[in-house]
Amino acid sequence: MFTNSQTSRIDASDASSLPGDSIKSSDARSLWRRRMLMMLPIGIFSGLLVVLGWGLGRNAQVIPSALIGKPVPAFSLPPVQGRTLGLSSADLKGEVSLVNVFASWCVACREEHPVFMELRRSNAVPIHGINYKDRPRDAERWLNSMGDPYTRTGADLNGRVAIDWGVYGVPETFVVDAEGRIAFKHVGAVTPEVYRDRIAPVIERLRK
């Protein structure tokens, strides 16, 4: 027979294995899992909001290019209708120049066009154009009516050359050094402020 003290010890040692306690422990785990599953969509949604906010807060004009510091892609384009000089990679050596990707259907191209016309009048820097996925007659009419700031203008009818340049959309403008390497890329319209603050300093540095 067991003494009362021995019986108490046996009861205490068996207390953790009582059925009621096992059920409570299982219920607690189930409740924790349910809460985690309920919180998961909230966590995912919060993460998406952070990513979206980061994307909206970025300057869309500041898009890195893998081609910075590298030679311009090899290409050769025929002239835009009504022009005599096309554009090729060989034409982009010997002097610092701008290469502007434009189209007659591009609204932002109209915004920046007076800036390029002024650069042409002041002989600030040679400007070459890549006409992106345009109808030949529309491109000719656009340059005739708006003015032609370009020294050479290549017709990229299928957009293949623009893809090689890493173009996201028009307009985009590149600064090319005298060795034919891409030194700078600007996405969007070139306003007077953009030219003064971002592009002109690059040109000045490359000419030293």
Protein backbone atom coordinates (compact mmCIF):
# COMPACT_ATOMS: atom_id res chain seq x y z
CA MET A 1 0.00 0.00 0.00
CA PHE A 2 1.07 3.54 -0.62
CA THR A 3 1.36 6.24 1.94
CA ASN A 4 -0.51 9.51 1.51
CA SER A 5 2.72 11.29 0.55
CA GLN A 6 3.47 8.67 -2.10
CA THR A 7 -0.05 8.96 -3.46
CA SER A 8 0.34 12.73 -3.71
CA ARG A 9 3.58 12.37 -5.64
CA ILE A 10 1.98 9.96 -8.10
CA ASP A 11 -0.98 12.29 -8.61
CA ALA A 12 1.33 15.25 -9.20
CA SER A 13 3.44 13.36 -11.72
CA ASP A 14 0.37 12.31 -13.67
CA ALA A 15 -1.26 15.74 -13.65
CA SER A 16 0.42 16.81 -16.92
CA SER A 17 -1.07 13.89 -18.79
CA LEU A 18 -4.66 14.50 -17.88
CA PRO A 19 -7.00 14.48 -20.96
CA GLY A 20 -8.39 17.92 -20.21
CA ASP A 21 -4.97 19.54 -20.32
CA SER A 22 -4.13 17.86 -23.65
CA ILE A 23 -7.33 19.21 -25.16
CA LYS A 24 -6.54 22.71 -23.93
CA SER A 25 -3.05 22.56 -25.40
CA SER A 26 -4.40 21.39 -28.77
CA ASP A 27 -7.02 24.14 -28.77
CA ALA A 28 -4.34 26.76 -28.06
CA ARG A 29 -2.23 25.58 -30.99
CA SER A 30 -5.25 25.60 -33.30
CA LEU A 31 -6.18 29.11 -32.18
CA TRP A 32 -2.58 30.30 -32.83
CA ARG A 33 -2.61 28.82 -36.33
CA ARG A 34 -5.94 30.46 -37.13
CA ARG A 35 -4.67 33.81 -35.97
CA MET A 36 -1.54 33.45 -38.09
CA LEU A 37 -3.60 32.58 -41.16
CA MET A 38 -5.80 35.61 -40.53
CA MET A 39 -2.76 37.88 -40.23
CA LEU A 40 -1.03 36.55 -43.37
CA PRO A 41 -3.18 38.47 -45.92
CA ILE A 42 -2.73 41.66 -43.89
CA GLY A 43 1.03 41.20 -43.94
CA ILE A 44 1.09 40.58 -47.69
CA PHE A 45 -1.10 43.62 -48.35
CA SER A 46 1.11 45.81 -46.16
CA GLY A 47 4.16 44.62 -48.07
CA LEU A 48 2.54 45.47 -51.38
CA LEU A 49 1.71 48.96 -50.11
CA VAL A 50 5.35 49.49 -49.16
CA VAL A 51 6.57 48.37 -52.59
CA LEU A 52 3.96 50.50 -54.37
CA GLY A 53 4.83 53.53 -52.29
CA TRP A 54 8.51 53.04 -53.07
CA GLY A 55 7.79 52.80 -56.78
CA LEU A 56 5.61 55.90 -56.83
CA GLY A 57 8.16 57.83 -54.84
CA ARG A 58 10.96 57.09 -57.29
CA ASN A 59 11.92 59.63 -59.92
CA ALA A 60 10.81 58.00 -63.17
CA GLN A 61 13.51 59.97 -64.99
CA VAL A 62 16.24 58.30 -62.97
CA ILE A 63 16.35 54.83 -64.48
CA PRO A 64 19.73 53.13 -64.50
CA SER A 65 21.08 51.87 -67.81
CA ALA A 66 23.35 48.87 -68.16
CA LEU A 67 24.96 50.64 -71.13
CA ILE A 68 26.40 53.57 -69.20
CA GLY A 69 30.14 53.64 -69.85
CA LYS A 70 29.87 51.16 -72.72
CA PRO A 71 30.10 51.73 -76.49
CA VAL A 72 26.87 52.52 -78.25
CA PRO A 73 25.28 49.42 -79.79
CA ALA A 74 26.33 48.73 -83.36
CA PHE A 75 23.61 49.95 -85.72
CA SER A 76 22.97 51.65 -89.04
CA LEU A 77 19.70 53.40 -89.84
CA PRO A 78 18.54 54.99 -93.09
CA PRO A 79 17.59 58.66 -93.04
CA VAL A 80 14.11 59.79 -92.10
CA GLN A 81 12.01 60.51 -95.17
CA GLY A 82 12.94 63.89 -96.63
CA ARG A 83 16.43 63.85 -95.05
CA THR A 84 19.71 62.81 -96.64
CA LEU A 85 21.80 61.77 -93.63
CA GLY A 86 20.99 58.60 -91.75
CA LEU A 87 22.57 57.58 -88.44
CA SER A 88 24.95 54.80 -87.47
CA SER A 89 27.18 53.94 -84.55
CA ALA A 90 30.20 55.09 -86.59
CA ASP A 91 28.73 58.61 -86.72
CA LEU A 92 28.86 58.91 -82.93
CA LYS A 93 32.61 59.12 -82.57
CA GLY A 94 34.92 62.12 -82.61
CA GLU A 95 32.86 64.57 -80.55
CA VAL A 96 30.49 64.71 -77.60
CA SER A 97 26.91 64.57 -78.83
CA LEU A 98 23.31 63.97 -77.85
CA VAL A 99 21.16 61.18 -79.23
CA ASN A 100 17.44 61.84 -78.88
CA VAL A 101 14.85 59.11 -79.39
CA PHE A 102 11.63 60.74 -80.59
CA ALA A 103 8.40 60.20 -82.52
CA SER A 104 5.81 62.44 -84.12
CA TRP A 105 3.06 60.82 -82.02
CA CYS A 106 4.91 61.50 -78.76
CA VAL A 107 3.34 64.32 -76.71
CA ALA A 108 6.40 64.83 -74.49
CA CYS A 109 8.56 65.13 -77.60
CA ARG A 110 6.69 68.30 -78.48
CA GLU A 111 7.45 69.65 -75.02
CA GLU A 112 11.19 69.19 -75.35
CA HIS A 113 11.52 70.11 -79.03
CA PRO A 114 11.99 73.88 -78.48
CA VAL A 115 14.92 73.09 -76.17
CA PHE A 116 16.66 71.15 -78.93
CA MET A 117 15.91 73.88 -81.46
CA GLU A 118 17.58 76.40 -79.16
CA LEU A 119 20.59 74.12 -78.71
CA ARG A 120 20.85 73.88 -82.48
CA ARG A 121 20.65 77.66 -82.91
CA SER A 122 23.30 78.25 -80.26
CA ASN A 123 25.49 75.42 -81.59
CA ALA A 124 25.79 74.13 -78.03
CA VAL A 125 26.10 70.44 -78.87
CA PRO A 126 25.47 68.24 -81.93
CA ILE A 127 22.13 66.45 -81.68
CA HIS A 128 21.27 63.26 -83.55
CA GLY A 129 17.82 61.75 -83.71
CA ILE A 130 16.46 58.20 -83.70
CA ASN A 131 12.90 58.29 -85.00
CA TYR A 132 11.08 55.52 -83.16
CA LYS A 133 8.32 53.43 -84.80
CA ASP A 134 6.98 56.33 -86.83
CA ARG A 135 5.25 56.45 -90.18
CA PRO A 136 7.77 57.98 -92.62
CA ARG A 137 5.35 60.64 -93.87
CA ASP A 138 4.39 61.65 -90.31
CA ALA A 139 8.03 61.96 -89.26
CA GLU A 140 8.84 64.11 -92.28
CA ARG A 141 5.82 66.35 -91.71
CA TRP A 142 6.64 66.71 -88.02
CA LEU A 143 10.22 67.83 -88.62
CA ASN A 144 9.17 70.16 -91.43
CA SER A 145 6.56 71.87 -89.28
CA MET A 146 8.28 71.83 -85.87
CA GLY A 147 11.80 72.42 -87.13
CA ASP A 148 14.71 70.01 -87.45
CA PRO A 149 17.36 70.28 -84.71
CA TYR A 150 19.16 67.10 -85.72
CA THR A 151 22.45 66.78 -87.56
CA ARG A 152 21.63 63.18 -88.51
CA THR A 153 18.33 61.36 -88.15
CA GLY A 154 17.84 57.61 -88.43
CA ALA A 155 14.48 55.95 -89.05
CA ASP A 156 14.02 53.08 -86.60
CA LEU A 157 10.82 51.79 -88.19
CA ASN A 158 10.56 48.53 -86.23
CA GLY A 159 12.09 49.79 -82.98
CA ARG A 160 14.91 47.23 -82.95
CA VAL A 161 17.70 49.79 -82.55
CA ALA A 162 15.88 51.51 -79.68
CA ILE A 163 15.61 48.14 -77.93
CA ASP A 164 19.38 47.66 -78.28
CA TRP A 165 19.84 51.08 -76.66
CA GLY A 166 17.68 49.98 -73.73
CA VAL A 167 14.92 52.46 -74.51
CA TYR A 168 11.84 52.19 -72.27
CA GLY A 169 9.76 54.68 -74.26
CA VAL A 170 9.98 58.03 -75.98
CA PRO A 171 11.42 60.49 -75.46
CA GLU A 172 14.79 59.42 -74.16
CA THR A 173 18.05 61.30 -74.56
CA PHE A 174 21.61 60.01 -74.31
CA VAL A 175 24.92 61.82 -73.93
CA VAL A 176 27.61 60.09 -76.00
CA ASP A 177 31.27 60.86 -75.47
CA ALA A 178 33.89 61.37 -78.18
CA GLU A 179 34.86 57.70 -78.04
CA GLY A 180 31.32 56.63 -78.84
CA ARG A 181 30.45 55.52 -75.30
CA ILE A 182 27.15 56.23 -73.57
CA ALA A 183 27.86 58.57 -70.65
CA PHE A 184 24.38 59.56 -69.50
CA LYS A 185 20.73 58.72 -70.06
CA HIS A 186 17.65 60.82 -69.41
CA VAL A 187 14.12 59.43 -69.59
CA GLY A 188 11.34 61.89 -70.40
CA ALA A 189 11.21 65.37 -71.84
CA VAL A 190 14.37 67.48 -71.73
CA THR A 191 13.21 70.75 -70.20
CA PRO A 192 15.50 73.79 -69.89
CA GLU A 193 16.04 72.86 -66.24
CA VAL A 194 16.91 69.25 -67.07
CA TYR A 195 19.41 70.35 -69.68
CA ARG A 196 20.99 72.95 -67.40
CA ASP A 197 21.17 70.83 -64.24
CA ARG A 198 21.73 67.29 -65.55
CA ILE A 199 22.89 67.19 -69.15
CA ALA A 200 25.05 70.30 -69.60
CA PRO A 201 27.37 69.40 -66.67
CA VAL A 202 27.98 65.97 -68.22
CA ILE A 203 28.81 67.52 -71.58
CA GLU A 204 31.16 70.01 -69.94
CA ARG A 205 32.93 67.27 -68.01
CA LEU A 206 33.39 65.11 -71.10
CA ARG A 207 34.85 67.97 -73.09
CA LYS A 208 37.65 68.63 -70.59
